[in-house]
Amino acid sequence: MNIANKIEKVFKKYLPSPFTIAVLLTFISFTLAFLFTDNKAGSSINHGLNLLEYWEQGLWNSSLLVFAFQMMLMLVLGHTLALSKPVNRLISYMTNYCTNTANAAFLVCLLTLLVSYFNWGLGLIFGAIFARKVAENAKDNNWKIHYPIIGASAYSGLMVWHGGISGSAPIKAAENGHLESLMTGIYNSERLALLPQQIGFSDTIFSNMNICVSLVILIVLPTFMYYLGNSTNPKTYTLSESKIQLDNNTIEGAEKLDTSKLLAFTFGGGVLVYALYKAMILPEELNLNFISPNFINLTLLGLAIVMHASFRNFLNALDKAIGGASGILIQFPLYFGIMGLMKHSGMITQLSEFFVSISTETTFPLFTFLSAGLVNIFVPSGGGQWAIQGPIIIEASQQLGLSIPKNIMALAYGDQLTNMLQPFWALPLLGITGLKAKEILPYTLLLMGIGAIIFIGGLLIF
């Protein structure tokens, strides 16, 4: 039995669904809080009731629920954009250069990485459709390819997304007042006043460290996939029926407004013009502070409507995309409940003090990176992970006098790295390509190994 089959067997045997994992983590967090935090209520029953109240406060925290909705929109709008005709035409054009496994793996990996730096939902579906079209084109032209390698290349974007402009932790840190909101209940008013109002993209996504790490990734990963494709024999494969075609029903009466290009271009174009105004004209000086979850979603909305050229096509694609956000919808509140429990019970302070006691300026970013990679296996959501680990990172960074932006990126690197091991976000890709997790896993594990070296190197050098 090869390594891929062993890993798949372990996942099936020991890892239940992500929702079940979130529930189990809730029970574990509650138990730890009950046993190891101060009982200020006097009796065990009152202590337990207080912890339940803390959990509920986090569960329905209004600012965190806004965050969950922002992340859902980011995934759904990116997915919708990937289903548009211009994106499909670009993919179809690029498939002409994918005449063998090596060329196809290189191009699919490179373009998927580039798109994923812009938006993770768009990158995931873009890569999946690209890989599918490569396979269809190879069938039509009787070219022999190794489809699983190309599928793994299409999934590579999930190893860079958190270091891109749709990364959950960096975009929330860039939101005015978010750090203060996150640490309310942990810090007193004096300490809250000392926190920065925001941490801009210039310190995280566009920092020297992340730019260098991203450039190395863009060079090394596609080159490695080209080498892998060149040194591996083609395999036979079958393709299931495509599920990415949009509807074309008869148009009647007022439904013509739904298919009006003029209306779609006017509205979508107006949204894009306003987004450009907010980015380039409104600020007194040009900077990156305008980038926030709301700005990204505003831009994605305008782009998606314009590229679909009608509300009807846009809504048809939206129907196909929205199912992928179900995990965020139901799992995020549970993670917010865990955060509320940890925050108000004092567990965050205890964990921060533990990491401070064992860390130095050099090792803390590495501990953050490794712990984020481990947590991502059980909490396959960058947003949920930031909600839980963010306060620990901020508190420990403050105590050790370390760079908060660097440690935010350490969390981002760890979170995205183990996506190559955790197949949760691969489900849309597997559905579109018709591949199985065990077929792409051997190659995504190789990508994970290379990525680990690059990310750790970046954290140590900068």
Protein backbone atom coordinates (compact mmCIF):
# COMPACT_ATOMS: atom_id res chain seq x y z
CA MET A 1 0.00 0.00 0.00
CA ASN A 2 1.57 3.32 -1.04
CA ILE A 3 1.80 6.48 1.07
CA ALA A 4 -1.24 8.11 -0.56
CA ASN A 5 -3.49 5.17 0.27
CA LYS A 6 -2.18 5.08 3.84
CA ILE A 7 -2.86 8.77 4.37
CA GLU A 8 -6.32 8.52 2.82
CA LYS A 9 -7.07 5.55 5.10
CA VAL A 10 -5.97 7.54 8.17
CA PHE A 11 -8.20 10.48 7.19
CA LYS A 12 -11.19 8.21 6.67
CA LYS A 13 -10.61 6.29 9.91
CA TYR A 14 -9.77 9.11 12.31
CA LEU A 15 -11.10 12.36 10.85
CA PRO A 16 -14.88 12.86 10.76
CA SER A 17 -16.54 15.70 8.86
CA PRO A 18 -15.26 19.26 9.50
CA PHE A 19 -18.54 20.12 11.25
CA THR A 20 -18.18 17.17 13.62
CA ILE A 21 -14.58 18.22 14.31
CA ALA A 22 -15.80 21.72 15.19
CA VAL A 23 -18.31 20.23 17.64
CA LEU A 24 -15.66 17.98 19.21
CA LEU A 25 -13.27 20.94 19.55
CA THR A 26 -16.06 22.84 21.29
CA PHE A 27 -16.43 20.03 23.85
CA ILE A 28 -12.66 19.84 24.35
CA SER A 29 -12.34 23.63 24.77
CA PHE A 30 -15.20 23.69 27.27
CA THR A 31 -13.67 20.84 29.29
CA LEU A 32 -10.23 22.47 29.39
CA ALA A 33 -11.73 25.82 30.38
CA PHE A 34 -13.78 24.12 33.12
CA LEU A 35 -10.76 22.29 34.55
CA PHE A 36 -7.94 24.81 34.20
CA THR A 37 -9.37 28.33 34.43
CA ASP A 38 -10.21 30.25 37.59
CA ASN A 39 -13.61 29.46 39.06
CA LYS A 40 -14.88 32.92 39.97
CA ALA A 41 -18.48 31.77 40.38
CA GLY A 42 -17.97 29.77 43.58
CA SER A 43 -19.69 26.52 42.58
CA SER A 44 -18.94 24.15 39.72
CA ILE A 45 -22.45 24.51 38.34
CA ASN A 46 -22.22 28.31 38.19
CA HIS A 47 -18.73 28.04 36.71
CA GLY A 48 -20.10 25.80 33.95
CA LEU A 49 -23.01 28.16 33.31
CA ASN A 50 -20.61 31.10 33.05
CA LEU A 51 -18.55 29.19 30.50
CA LEU A 52 -21.68 28.46 28.48
CA GLU A 53 -22.48 32.16 28.53
CA TYR A 54 -18.96 32.97 27.27
CA TRP A 55 -19.45 30.40 24.49
CA GLU A 56 -22.76 31.95 23.46
CA GLN A 57 -21.25 35.44 23.46
CA GLY A 58 -18.68 34.25 20.92
CA LEU A 59 -21.19 32.19 18.94
CA TRP A 60 -23.34 35.21 18.04
CA ASN A 61 -20.67 37.90 18.18
CA SER A 62 -21.95 40.42 15.63
CA SER A 63 -18.57 41.57 14.31
CA LEU A 64 -17.42 37.96 13.84
CA LEU A 65 -20.66 37.03 12.07
CA VAL A 66 -20.00 39.91 9.67
CA PHE A 67 -16.55 38.38 9.11
CA ALA A 68 -18.13 34.99 8.34
CA PHE A 69 -20.45 36.55 5.77
CA GLN A 70 -17.53 38.42 4.20
CA MET A 71 -15.61 35.16 3.80
CA MET A 72 -18.67 33.42 2.32
CA LEU A 73 -19.07 36.19 -0.25
CA MET A 74 -15.39 36.05 -1.09
CA LEU A 75 -15.57 32.34 -1.88
CA VAL A 76 -18.91 32.48 -3.70
CA LEU A 77 -18.10 35.55 -5.81
CA GLY A 78 -14.67 34.15 -6.70
CA HIS A 79 -16.28 30.86 -7.73
CA THR A 80 -18.93 32.73 -9.73
CA LEU A 81 -16.26 34.75 -11.52
CA ALA A 82 -14.41 31.55 -12.43
CA LEU A 83 -17.55 30.28 -14.21
CA SER A 84 -17.76 33.31 -16.51
CA LYS A 85 -17.19 33.06 -20.27
CA PRO A 86 -14.08 35.33 -20.35
CA VAL A 87 -12.35 33.15 -17.76
CA ASN A 88 -13.38 30.03 -19.66
CA ARG A 89 -12.08 31.53 -22.92
CA LEU A 90 -8.74 32.29 -21.25
CA ILE A 91 -8.54 28.74 -19.99
CA SER A 92 -9.50 27.31 -23.38
CA TYR A 93 -6.81 29.43 -25.04
CA MET A 94 -4.14 28.30 -22.58
CA THR A 95 -5.01 24.63 -23.10
CA ASN A 96 -3.60 24.93 -26.63
CA TYR A 97 -0.15 25.07 -25.05
CA CYS A 98 -0.79 22.05 -22.82
CA THR A 99 0.29 19.36 -25.25
CA ASN A 100 1.97 17.12 -22.68
CA THR A 101 2.01 16.57 -18.93
CA ALA A 102 5.07 18.75 -18.27
CA ASN A 103 3.77 21.82 -20.13
CA ALA A 104 0.28 21.39 -18.72
CA ALA A 105 1.49 20.96 -15.11
CA PHE A 106 3.71 24.05 -15.42
CA LEU A 107 1.01 26.32 -16.87
CA VAL A 108 -1.81 25.05 -14.63
CA CYS A 109 0.36 25.48 -11.53
CA LEU A 110 1.69 28.93 -12.49
CA LEU A 111 -1.67 30.43 -13.49
CA THR A 112 -3.50 28.88 -10.55
CA LEU A 113 -0.94 30.35 -8.15
CA LEU A 114 -1.27 33.80 -9.73
CA VAL A 115 -5.07 33.74 -9.65
CA SER A 116 -5.10 32.42 -6.07
CA TYR A 117 -3.00 35.35 -4.87
CA PHE A 118 -5.93 37.50 -6.01
CA ASN A 119 -8.77 35.38 -4.65
CA TRP A 120 -8.77 31.89 -3.19
CA GLY A 121 -12.25 30.93 -4.37
CA LEU A 122 -11.50 32.08 -7.90
CA GLY A 123 -8.13 30.30 -7.86
CA LEU A 124 -9.61 27.01 -6.66
CA ILE A 125 -12.31 26.86 -9.34
CA PHE A 126 -10.07 28.36 -12.04
CA GLY A 127 -7.51 25.61 -11.44
CA ALA A 128 -10.17 22.90 -11.40
CA ILE A 129 -11.75 24.02 -14.68
CA PHE A 130 -8.30 24.48 -16.26
CA ALA A 131 -7.26 20.93 -15.30
CA ARG A 132 -10.56 19.55 -16.60
CA LYS A 133 -10.22 21.33 -19.94
CA VAL A 134 -6.63 20.11 -20.30
CA ALA A 135 -7.87 16.54 -19.84
CA GLU A 136 -10.74 17.03 -22.31
CA ASN A 137 -8.41 18.61 -24.87
CA ALA A 138 -5.91 15.77 -24.48
CA LYS A 139 -8.69 13.22 -25.06
CA ASP A 140 -9.87 15.04 -28.19
CA ASN A 141 -6.34 15.24 -29.63
CA ASN A 142 -5.20 11.82 -28.43
CA TRP A 143 -2.41 13.31 -26.29
CA LYS A 144 -1.15 11.20 -23.40
CA ILE A 145 -1.02 12.97 -20.04
CA HIS A 146 -0.75 12.19 -16.34
CA TYR A 147 -4.04 13.68 -15.14
CA PRO A 148 -3.43 13.40 -11.34
CA ILE A 149 -0.26 15.53 -11.61
CA ILE A 150 -2.24 18.20 -13.45
CA GLY A 151 -4.97 17.95 -10.82
CA ALA A 152 -2.40 18.46 -8.06
CA SER A 153 -1.06 21.49 -9.95
CA ALA A 154 -4.60 22.88 -10.02
CA TYR A 155 -4.85 22.56 -6.22
CA SER A 156 -1.52 24.35 -5.60
CA GLY A 157 -3.27 27.72 -5.21
CA LEU A 158 -4.57 26.64 -1.79
CA MET A 159 -0.96 26.68 -0.61
CA VAL A 160 -0.53 30.41 -1.29
CA TRP A 161 -4.02 31.89 -0.81
CA HIS A 162 -3.53 33.06 2.80
CA GLY A 163 -0.48 35.02 1.70
CA GLY A 164 -2.55 36.75 -1.00
CA ILE A 165 -4.98 39.65 -0.91
CA SER A 166 -7.93 37.44 0.09
CA GLY A 167 -6.09 35.89 3.06
CA SER A 168 -8.39 35.93 6.09
CA ALA A 169 -5.91 37.02 8.77
CA PRO A 170 -4.18 39.83 6.81
CA ILE A 171 -7.40 41.37 5.47
CA LYS A 172 -9.03 41.38 8.92
CA ALA A 173 -5.92 42.89 10.49
CA ALA A 174 -6.09 45.61 7.82
CA GLU A 175 -9.64 46.50 8.87
CA ASN A 176 -9.82 49.64 10.99
CA GLY A 177 -10.41 48.75 14.65
CA HIS A 178 -10.35 44.97 14.17
CA LEU A 179 -7.44 44.26 16.53
CA GLU A 180 -9.10 46.28 19.28
CA SER A 181 -12.35 44.39 18.74
CA LEU A 182 -10.54 41.05 18.77
CA MET A 183 -8.76 41.80 22.07
CA THR A 184 -11.73 43.35 23.87
CA GLY A 185 -12.33 41.26 26.99
CA ILE A 186 -8.65 40.27 27.14
CA TYR A 187 -7.03 43.72 27.40
CA ASN A 188 -8.12 46.60 29.60
CA SER A 189 -8.86 49.98 28.02
CA GLU A 190 -5.27 51.19 28.46
CA ARG A 191 -3.77 48.20 26.65
CA LEU A 192 -6.42 48.36 23.92
CA ALA A 193 -5.45 51.98 23.26
CA LEU A 194 -1.85 50.87 22.60
CA LEU A 195 -2.85 48.47 19.80
CA PRO A 196 -2.55 49.73 16.22
CA GLN A 197 -5.88 50.67 14.66
CA GLN A 198 -4.98 48.49 11.67
CA ILE A 199 -2.08 46.57 10.17
CA GLY A 200 -1.96 47.48 6.50
CA PHE A 201 -1.13 45.20 3.60
CA SER A 202 2.20 46.98 3.21
CA ASP A 203 3.28 45.27 6.46
CA THR A 204 1.83 41.83 5.70
CA ILE A 205 0.91 40.81 2.14
CA PHE A 206 3.24 43.33 0.49
CA SER A 207 6.02 43.11 3.06
CA ASN A 208 9.51 42.34 1.81
CA MET A 209 9.31 38.89 3.39
CA ASN A 210 6.04 37.88 1.73
CA ILE A 211 7.01 39.33 -1.66
CA CYS A 212 10.25 37.33 -1.63
CA VAL A 213 8.53 34.16 -0.41
CA SER A 214 5.82 34.54 -3.06
CA LEU A 215 8.35 35.05 -5.87
CA VAL A 216 10.27 31.94 -4.82
CA ILE A 217 7.02 29.96 -4.71
CA LEU A 218 6.04 31.21 -8.19
CA ILE A 219 9.39 30.09 -9.60
CA VAL A 220 9.98 26.83 -7.73
CA LEU A 221 6.55 25.16 -7.68
CA PRO A 222 5.72 25.38 -11.43
CA THR A 223 9.30 24.37 -12.26
CA PHE A 224 9.04 21.37 -9.95
CA MET A 225 5.69 20.34 -11.46
CA TYR A 226 7.23 20.62 -14.95
CA TYR A 227 10.07 18.33 -13.86
CA LEU A 228 7.61 15.93 -12.26
CA GLY A 229 5.47 15.85 -15.40
CA ASN A 230 8.55 15.24 -17.53
CA SER A 231 9.76 12.34 -15.42
CA THR A 232 6.44 10.52 -14.97
CA ASN A 233 4.77 8.24 -17.47
CA PRO A 234 1.25 9.17 -18.66
CA LYS A 235 -1.73 7.31 -17.19
CA THR A 236 -5.08 6.39 -18.67
CA TYR A 237 -8.08 8.15 -17.14
CA THR A 238 -11.82 8.54 -17.56
CA LEU A 239 -13.83 11.75 -17.39
CA SER A 240 -17.23 12.01 -15.75
CA GLU A 241 -19.91 14.20 -17.27
CA SER A 242 -19.06 17.89 -16.97
CA LYS A 243 -21.02 19.84 -14.36
CA ILE A 244 -19.84 23.34 -15.15
CA GLN A 245 -22.15 24.28 -18.01
CA LEU A 246 -24.72 27.03 -17.42
CA ASP A 247 -28.42 26.98 -18.30
CA ASN A 248 -29.98 28.37 -21.48
CA ASN A 249 -33.76 28.46 -20.97
CA THR A 250 -36.30 30.35 -23.09
CA ILE A 251 -36.55 34.07 -22.31
CA GLU A 252 -40.00 35.64 -21.89
CA GLY A 253 -41.47 39.05 -20.93
CA ALA A 254 -39.75 40.94 -18.15
CA GLU A 255 -37.09 38.22 -17.99
CA LYS A 256 -35.44 40.09 -20.85
CA LEU A 257 -34.17 42.53 -18.22
CA ASP A 258 -32.34 39.62 -16.64
CA THR A 259 -30.49 39.02 -19.92
CA SER A 260 -29.83 42.69 -20.73
CA LYS A 261 -26.15 43.30 -21.37
CA LEU A 262 -26.69 47.05 -21.08
CA LEU A 263 -28.16 46.75 -17.59
CA ALA A 264 -25.45 44.33 -16.44
CA PHE A 265 -22.61 46.45 -17.82
CA THR A 266 -24.13 49.64 -16.38
CA PHE A 267 -24.53 48.22 -12.90
CA GLY A 268 -21.38 46.09 -12.79
CA GLY A 269 -19.32 48.80 -14.49
CA GLY A 270 -20.64 51.37 -12.04
CA VAL A 271 -19.57 49.19 -9.11
CA LEU A 272 -16.07 48.86 -10.59
CA VAL A 273 -15.78 52.61 -11.22
CA TYR A 274 -16.77 53.29 -7.63
CA ALA A 275 -14.22 50.72 -6.40
CA LEU A 276 -11.55 52.48 -8.49
CA TYR A 277 -12.62 55.81 -7.00
CA LYS A 278 -12.25 54.41 -3.47
CA ALA A 279 -8.81 52.98 -4.28
CA MET A 280 -7.19 55.69 -6.39
CA ILE A 281 -9.00 59.02 -5.94
CA LEU A 282 -10.62 59.16 -2.49
CA PRO A 283 -7.45 58.63 -0.36
CA GLU A 284 -5.41 61.76 0.27
CA GLU A 285 -2.29 59.77 -0.59
CA LEU A 286 -1.89 56.51 -2.47
CA ASN A 287 -1.49 53.51 -0.15
CA LEU A 288 -2.89 50.03 0.36
CA ASN A 289 -5.14 50.85 3.31
CA PHE A 290 -8.23 50.74 1.09
CA ILE A 291 -7.94 46.94 0.79
CA SER A 292 -10.43 45.27 3.12
CA PRO A 293 -12.88 42.35 2.89
CA ASN A 294 -15.62 44.76 1.82
CA PHE A 295 -13.49 46.31 -0.90
CA ILE A 296 -12.46 42.91 -2.26
CA ASN A 297 -16.08 41.72 -2.35
CA LEU A 298 -17.21 44.97 -3.97
CA THR A 299 -14.64 44.48 -6.74
CA LEU A 300 -15.51 40.80 -7.17
CA LEU A 301 -19.21 41.66 -7.43
CA GLY A 302 -18.61 44.19 -10.18
CA LEU A 303 -16.20 41.91 -12.06
CA ALA A 304 -18.51 38.89 -11.84
CA ILE A 305 -21.54 40.78 -13.21
CA VAL A 306 -19.56 42.41 -16.02
CA MET A 307 -17.88 39.16 -17.05
CA HIS A 308 -21.16 37.21 -17.08
CA ALA A 309 -22.69 40.02 -19.18
CA SER A 310 -26.19 39.51 -17.74
CA PHE A 311 -27.86 39.09 -14.39
CA ARG A 312 -29.26 35.74 -15.52
CA ASN A 313 -25.86 34.22 -16.26
CA PHE A 314 -24.52 35.72 -13.03
CA LEU A 315 -27.33 34.21 -10.95
CA ASN A 316 -27.05 30.82 -12.66
CA ALA A 317 -23.34 30.73 -11.81
CA LEU A 318 -24.12 31.96 -8.29
CA ASP A 319 -26.48 29.02 -7.77
CA LYS A 320 -23.68 26.62 -8.69
CA ALA A 321 -21.15 28.41 -6.48
CA ILE A 322 -23.11 28.96 -3.30
CA GLY A 323 -23.05 25.35 -2.10
CA GLY A 324 -19.30 25.64 -1.55
CA ALA A 325 -19.88 28.20 1.22
CA SER A 326 -22.00 25.90 3.40
CA GLY A 327 -19.02 24.97 5.56
CA ILE A 328 -18.30 28.61 6.38
CA LEU A 329 -21.96 29.30 7.13
CA ILE A 330 -22.35 26.61 9.77
CA GLN A 331 -18.80 26.07 11.07
CA PHE A 332 -17.61 29.65 11.64
CA PRO A 333 -20.08 30.34 14.50
CA LEU A 334 -18.80 27.26 16.32
CA TYR A 335 -15.22 28.53 16.04
CA PHE A 336 -16.37 31.94 17.22
CA GLY A 337 -17.94 30.20 20.23
CA ILE A 338 -14.61 28.54 21.00
CA MET A 339 -12.91 31.93 20.73
CA GLY A 340 -15.46 33.49 23.10
CA LEU A 341 -14.93 30.64 25.55
CA MET A 342 -11.14 30.99 25.41
CA LYS A 343 -11.19 34.76 25.57
CA HIS A 344 -13.53 35.35 28.51
CA SER A 345 -12.38 32.36 30.59
CA GLY A 346 -8.74 33.46 30.52
CA MET A 347 -7.46 30.52 28.44
CA ILE A 348 -5.99 32.83 25.80
CA THR A 349 -3.84 34.57 28.41
CA GLN A 350 -2.69 31.21 29.80
CA LEU A 351 -1.78 29.87 26.36
CA SER A 352 0.01 33.10 25.47
CA GLU A 353 2.06 32.95 28.67
CA PHE A 354 2.99 29.34 27.87
CA PHE A 355 4.25 30.25 24.38
CA VAL A 356 6.11 33.25 25.77
CA SER A 357 7.84 31.02 28.34
CA ILE A 358 9.20 28.63 25.70
CA SER A 359 9.84 31.09 22.84
CA THR A 360 12.47 33.51 21.66
CA GLU A 361 12.36 36.13 18.95
CA THR A 362 13.50 33.49 16.46
CA THR A 363 11.43 30.53 17.56
CA PHE A 364 8.02 32.14 18.18
CA PRO A 365 7.23 32.68 14.46
CA LEU A 366 8.24 29.05 13.86
CA PHE A 367 6.01 27.81 16.70
CA THR A 368 3.18 29.90 15.23
CA PHE A 369 3.81 28.43 11.77
CA LEU A 370 3.91 24.82 13.01
CA SER A 371 0.91 25.16 15.31
CA ALA A 372 -1.11 26.83 12.53
CA GLY A 373 -0.31 23.93 10.20
CA LEU A 374 -1.42 21.43 12.83
CA VAL A 375 -4.60 23.33 13.71
CA ASN A 376 -5.52 23.61 10.01
CA ILE A 377 -5.80 19.82 9.78
CA PHE A 378 -8.62 19.98 12.33
CA VAL A 379 -9.94 23.48 11.55
CA PRO A 380 -9.74 23.75 7.75
CA SER A 381 -10.67 27.42 7.67
CA GLY A 382 -8.31 30.37 7.73
CA GLY A 383 -11.00 32.63 9.17
CA GLY A 384 -11.95 30.22 11.93
CA GLN A 385 -8.29 29.70 12.72
CA TRP A 386 -7.62 33.44 12.95
CA ALA A 387 -10.56 33.81 15.33
CA ILE A 388 -9.01 31.21 17.66
CA GLN A 389 -5.26 31.84 17.25
CA GLY A 390 -5.29 35.55 16.48
CA PRO A 391 -5.64 36.73 20.10
CA ILE A 392 -2.89 34.33 21.22
CA ILE A 393 -0.54 35.67 18.55
CA ILE A 394 -1.25 39.29 19.42
CA GLU A 395 -0.85 38.77 23.17
CA ALA A 396 2.38 36.74 22.87
CA SER A 397 3.82 39.18 20.30
CA GLN A 398 3.11 42.07 22.66
CA GLN A 399 4.73 40.30 25.62
CA LEU A 400 7.83 39.31 23.64
CA GLY A 401 8.06 42.62 21.79
CA LEU A 402 7.82 40.88 18.41
CA SER A 403 6.40 41.98 15.07
CA ILE A 404 2.66 41.30 14.94
CA PRO A 405 2.60 41.48 11.10
CA LYS A 406 5.34 38.85 10.79
CA ASN A 407 3.52 36.50 13.15
CA ILE A 408 0.27 37.03 11.26
CA MET A 409 2.08 35.85 8.13
CA ALA A 410 3.57 32.91 10.06
CA LEU A 411 0.01 31.82 10.87
CA ALA A 412 -0.99 32.36 7.23
CA TYR A 413 1.91 30.22 5.97
CA GLY A 414 1.17 27.37 8.37
CA ASP A 415 -2.55 27.42 7.63
CA GLN A 416 -2.15 27.30 3.86
CA LEU A 417 0.68 24.74 3.87
CA THR A 418 -1.30 21.81 5.26
CA ASN A 419 -4.12 22.33 2.78
CA MET A 420 -1.92 20.05 0.67
CA LEU A 421 -2.57 17.34 3.28
CA GLN A 422 -6.13 18.20 4.37
CA PRO A 423 -8.47 17.44 1.44
CA PHE A 424 -11.47 19.51 2.67
CA TRP A 425 -11.05 22.41 0.22
CA ALA A 426 -10.17 19.99 -2.58
CA LEU A 427 -13.77 18.75 -2.73
CA PRO A 428 -14.92 21.29 -5.37
CA LEU A 429 -11.83 20.53 -7.46
CA LEU A 430 -12.36 16.78 -7.20
CA GLY A 431 -16.01 17.19 -8.21
CA ILE A 432 -15.11 19.18 -11.33
CA THR A 433 -12.09 17.13 -12.42
CA GLY A 434 -13.49 13.71 -11.52
CA LEU A 435 -10.23 12.83 -9.76
CA LYS A 436 -10.01 11.17 -6.34
CA ALA A 437 -8.17 12.54 -3.31
CA LYS A 438 -5.78 9.58 -3.25
CA GLU A 439 -4.79 10.28 -6.86
CA ILE A 440 -3.58 13.84 -6.25
CA LEU A 441 -2.36 13.39 -2.66
CA PRO A 442 1.13 11.98 -3.45
CA TYR A 443 1.91 15.08 -5.51
CA THR A 444 0.34 17.64 -3.18
CA LEU A 445 2.43 16.13 -0.37
CA LEU A 446 5.55 16.82 -2.43
CA LEU A 447 4.35 20.40 -2.91
CA MET A 448 3.81 20.65 0.85
CA GLY A 449 7.40 19.56 1.53
CA ILE A 450 8.81 22.16 -0.85
CA GLY A 451 6.51 24.83 0.55
CA ALA A 452 7.57 24.06 4.13
CA ILE A 453 11.21 24.68 3.24
CA ILE A 454 10.39 27.99 1.52
CA PHE A 455 8.10 29.29 4.29
CA ILE A 456 10.45 28.35 7.13
CA GLY A 457 13.35 29.88 5.21
CA GLY A 458 11.41 33.14 4.82
CA LEU A 459 10.56 33.29 8.54
CA LEU A 460 14.20 32.66 9.53
CA ILE A 461 15.78 35.09 7.06
CA PHE A 462 13.52 38.10 7.60
